[in-house]
């Protein structure tokens, strides 16, 4: 992820590189303890071109990244990515 944050508006924009469908656009806002972002994929992934990404830090030195996406056109929404990163 490469993110730019505007502290005056709490708006976040950026890109996510690494998806099998190419570089995705990110947009959202800062929230207490993290960021809530919408991912816009360049091609359909799991049946659509968008998902939700939450980056949170509840504990210093630990970040959690969760991507929630609808699986299939009318399928359930579930976590497709759930990562916890620890600072050494």
C-alpha atoms as a PDB file:
ATOM      1  CA  UNK A   1       0.000   0.000   0.000  1.00  0.00           C
ATOM      2  CA  UNK A   2       1.087   3.520  -0.745  1.00  0.00           C
ATOM      3  CA  UNK A   3      -1.143   6.004   1.096  1.00  0.00           C
ATOM      4  CA  UNK A   4      -1.393   9.783   1.224  1.00  0.00           C
ATOM      5  CA  UNK A   5      -3.296  11.330   4.133  1.00  0.00           C
ATOM      6  CA  UNK A   6      -4.631  14.891   4.313  1.00  0.00           C
ATOM      7  CA  UNK A   7      -4.862  15.668   8.060  1.00  0.00           C
ATOM      8  CA  UNK A   8      -7.149  18.667   7.454  1.00  0.00           C
ATOM      9  CA  UNK A   9      -9.868  16.572   5.828  1.00  0.00           C
ATOM     10  CA  UNK A  10      -8.893  13.117   7.224  1.00  0.00           C
ATOM     11  CA  UNK A  11      -9.148  11.871   3.613  1.00  0.00           C
ATOM     12  CA  UNK A  12      -6.836   9.091   2.476  1.00  0.00           C
ATOM     13  CA  UNK A  13      -5.996   8.173  -1.120  1.00  0.00           C
ATOM     14  CA  UNK A  14      -3.483   5.800  -2.606  1.00  0.00           C
ATOM     15  CA  UNK A  15      -2.798   2.553  -4.379  1.00  0.00           C
ATOM     16  CA  UNK A  16      -2.463  -1.114  -3.535  1.00  0.00           C
ATOM     17  CA  UNK A  17      -0.007  -3.160  -5.570  1.00  0.00           C
ATOM     18  CA  UNK A  18       0.081  -6.927  -5.401  1.00  0.00           C
ATOM     19  CA  UNK A  19      -3.361  -8.112  -6.407  1.00  0.00           C
ATOM     20  CA  UNK A  20      -3.566 -10.651  -9.194  1.00  0.00           C
ATOM     21  CA  UNK A  21      -5.830  -8.237 -11.131  1.00  0.00           C
ATOM     22  CA  UNK A  22      -3.388  -5.306 -10.994  1.00  0.00           C
ATOM     23  CA  UNK A  23      -2.915  -2.092  -9.062  1.00  0.00           C
ATOM     24  CA  UNK A  24      -6.016  -0.977  -7.177  1.00  0.00           C
ATOM     25  CA  UNK A  25      -7.053   2.530  -6.156  1.00  0.00           C
ATOM     26  CA  UNK A  26      -7.704   3.299  -2.471  1.00  0.00           C
ATOM     27  CA  UNK A  27      -9.891   6.081  -1.056  1.00  0.00           C
ATOM     28  CA  UNK A  28     -11.397   6.704   2.336  1.00  0.00           C
ATOM     29  CA  UNK A  29     -10.889   8.451   5.635  1.00  0.00           C
ATOM     30  CA  UNK A  30      -9.006   8.303   8.867  1.00  0.00           C
ATOM     31  CA  UNK A  31     -10.962   6.968  11.811  1.00  0.00           C
ATOM     32  CA  UNK A  32     -10.101   6.650  15.464  1.00  0.00           C
ATOM     33  CA  UNK A  33      -7.255   4.160  15.515  1.00  0.00           C
ATOM     34  CA  UNK A  34      -6.975   3.560  11.781  1.00  0.00           C
ATOM     35  CA  UNK A  35      -8.279   4.005   8.264  1.00  0.00           C
ATOM     36  CA  UNK A  36     -11.451   2.864   6.484  1.00  0.00           C
ATOM     37  CA  UNK A  37     -10.865   2.593   2.743  1.00  0.00           C
ATOM     38  CA  UNK A  38     -12.663   1.489  -0.392  1.00  0.00           C
ATOM     39  CA  UNK A  39     -10.597  -0.575  -2.803  1.00  0.00           C
ATOM     40  CA  UNK A  40     -11.392  -0.185  -6.493  1.00  0.00           C
ATOM     41  CA  UNK A  41      -9.891  -3.049  -8.475  1.00  0.00           C
ATOM     42  CA  UNK A  42      -8.929  -2.473 -12.164  1.00  0.00           C
ATOM     43  CA  UNK A  43     -10.779  -5.700 -13.143  1.00  0.00           C
ATOM     44  CA  UNK A  44     -13.482  -7.753 -11.416  1.00  0.00           C
ATOM     45  CA  UNK A  45     -12.268  -9.761  -8.425  1.00  0.00           C
ATOM     46  CA  UNK A  46     -14.720 -12.172  -6.757  1.00  0.00           C
ATOM     47  CA  UNK A  47     -17.428 -10.870  -9.112  1.00  0.00           C
ATOM     48  CA  UNK A  48     -17.098  -7.099  -8.663  1.00  0.00           C
ATOM     49  CA  UNK A  49     -14.562  -4.267  -8.684  1.00  0.00           C
ATOM     50  CA  UNK A  50     -14.743  -3.009  -5.095  1.00  0.00           C
ATOM     51  CA  UNK A  51     -14.062  -4.118  -1.530  1.00  0.00           C
ATOM     52  CA  UNK A  52     -13.585  -2.559   1.902  1.00  0.00           C
ATOM     53  CA  UNK A  53     -10.193  -2.287   3.598  1.00  0.00           C
ATOM     54  CA  UNK A  54      -9.728  -1.502   7.293  1.00  0.00           C
ATOM     55  CA  UNK A  55      -6.328  -0.707   8.790  1.00  0.00           C
ATOM     56  CA  UNK A  56      -6.415  -0.522  12.587  1.00  0.00           C
ATOM     57  CA  UNK A  57      -3.935  -0.134  15.411  1.00  0.00           C
ATOM     58  CA  UNK A  58      -5.469  -0.949  18.794  1.00  0.00           C
ATOM     59  CA  UNK A  59      -2.132  -1.784  20.407  1.00  0.00           C
ATOM     60  CA  UNK A  60       1.107   0.197  19.837  1.00  0.00           C
ATOM     61  CA  UNK A  61       3.419  -1.640  17.438  1.00  0.00           C
ATOM     62  CA  UNK A  62       0.636  -3.835  16.036  1.00  0.00           C
ATOM     63  CA  UNK A  63      -1.452  -3.187  12.909  1.00  0.00           C
ATOM     64  CA  UNK A  64      -4.336  -5.230  11.590  1.00  0.00           C
ATOM     65  CA  UNK A  65      -5.361  -5.137   7.929  1.00  0.00           C
ATOM     66  CA  UNK A  66      -8.716  -6.667   6.966  1.00  0.00           C
ATOM     67  CA  UNK A  67     -10.240  -6.759   3.473  1.00  0.00           C
ATOM     68  CA  UNK A  68     -13.962  -7.520   3.320  1.00  0.00           C
ATOM     69  CA  UNK A  69     -15.395  -8.473  -0.060  1.00  0.00           C
ATOM     70  CA  UNK A  70     -18.563  -9.977  -1.505  1.00  0.00           C
ATOM     71  CA  UNK A  71     -17.818 -13.424  -2.883  1.00  0.00           C
ATOM     72  CA  UNK A  72     -19.749 -13.780  -6.118  1.00  0.00           C
ATOM     73  CA  UNK A  73     -22.430 -11.489  -7.502  1.00  0.00           C
ATOM     74  CA  UNK A  74     -24.936 -12.228  -4.727  1.00  0.00           C
ATOM     75  CA  UNK A  75     -22.730 -14.190  -2.332  1.00  0.00           C
ATOM     76  CA  UNK A  76     -21.783 -13.469   1.258  1.00  0.00           C
ATOM     77  CA  UNK A  77     -19.427 -10.710   2.403  1.00  0.00           C
ATOM     78  CA  UNK A  78     -16.414 -12.157   4.178  1.00  0.00           C
ATOM     79  CA  UNK A  79     -12.796 -11.428   5.013  1.00  0.00           C
ATOM     80  CA  UNK A  80     -10.566 -12.246   2.054  1.00  0.00           C
ATOM     81  CA  UNK A  81      -7.484 -10.907   3.839  1.00  0.00           C
ATOM     82  CA  UNK A  82      -6.840 -10.682   7.585  1.00  0.00           C
ATOM     83  CA  UNK A  83      -3.262  -9.759   8.493  1.00  0.00           C
ATOM     84  CA  UNK A  84      -1.677  -8.650  11.748  1.00  0.00           C
ATOM     85  CA  UNK A  85       1.688  -6.926  11.462  1.00  0.00           C
ATOM     86  CA  UNK A  86       3.989  -6.575  14.464  1.00  0.00           C
ATOM     87  CA  UNK A  87       6.747  -4.009  14.838  1.00  0.00           C
ATOM     88  CA  UNK A  88      10.079  -5.437  16.002  1.00  0.00           C
END
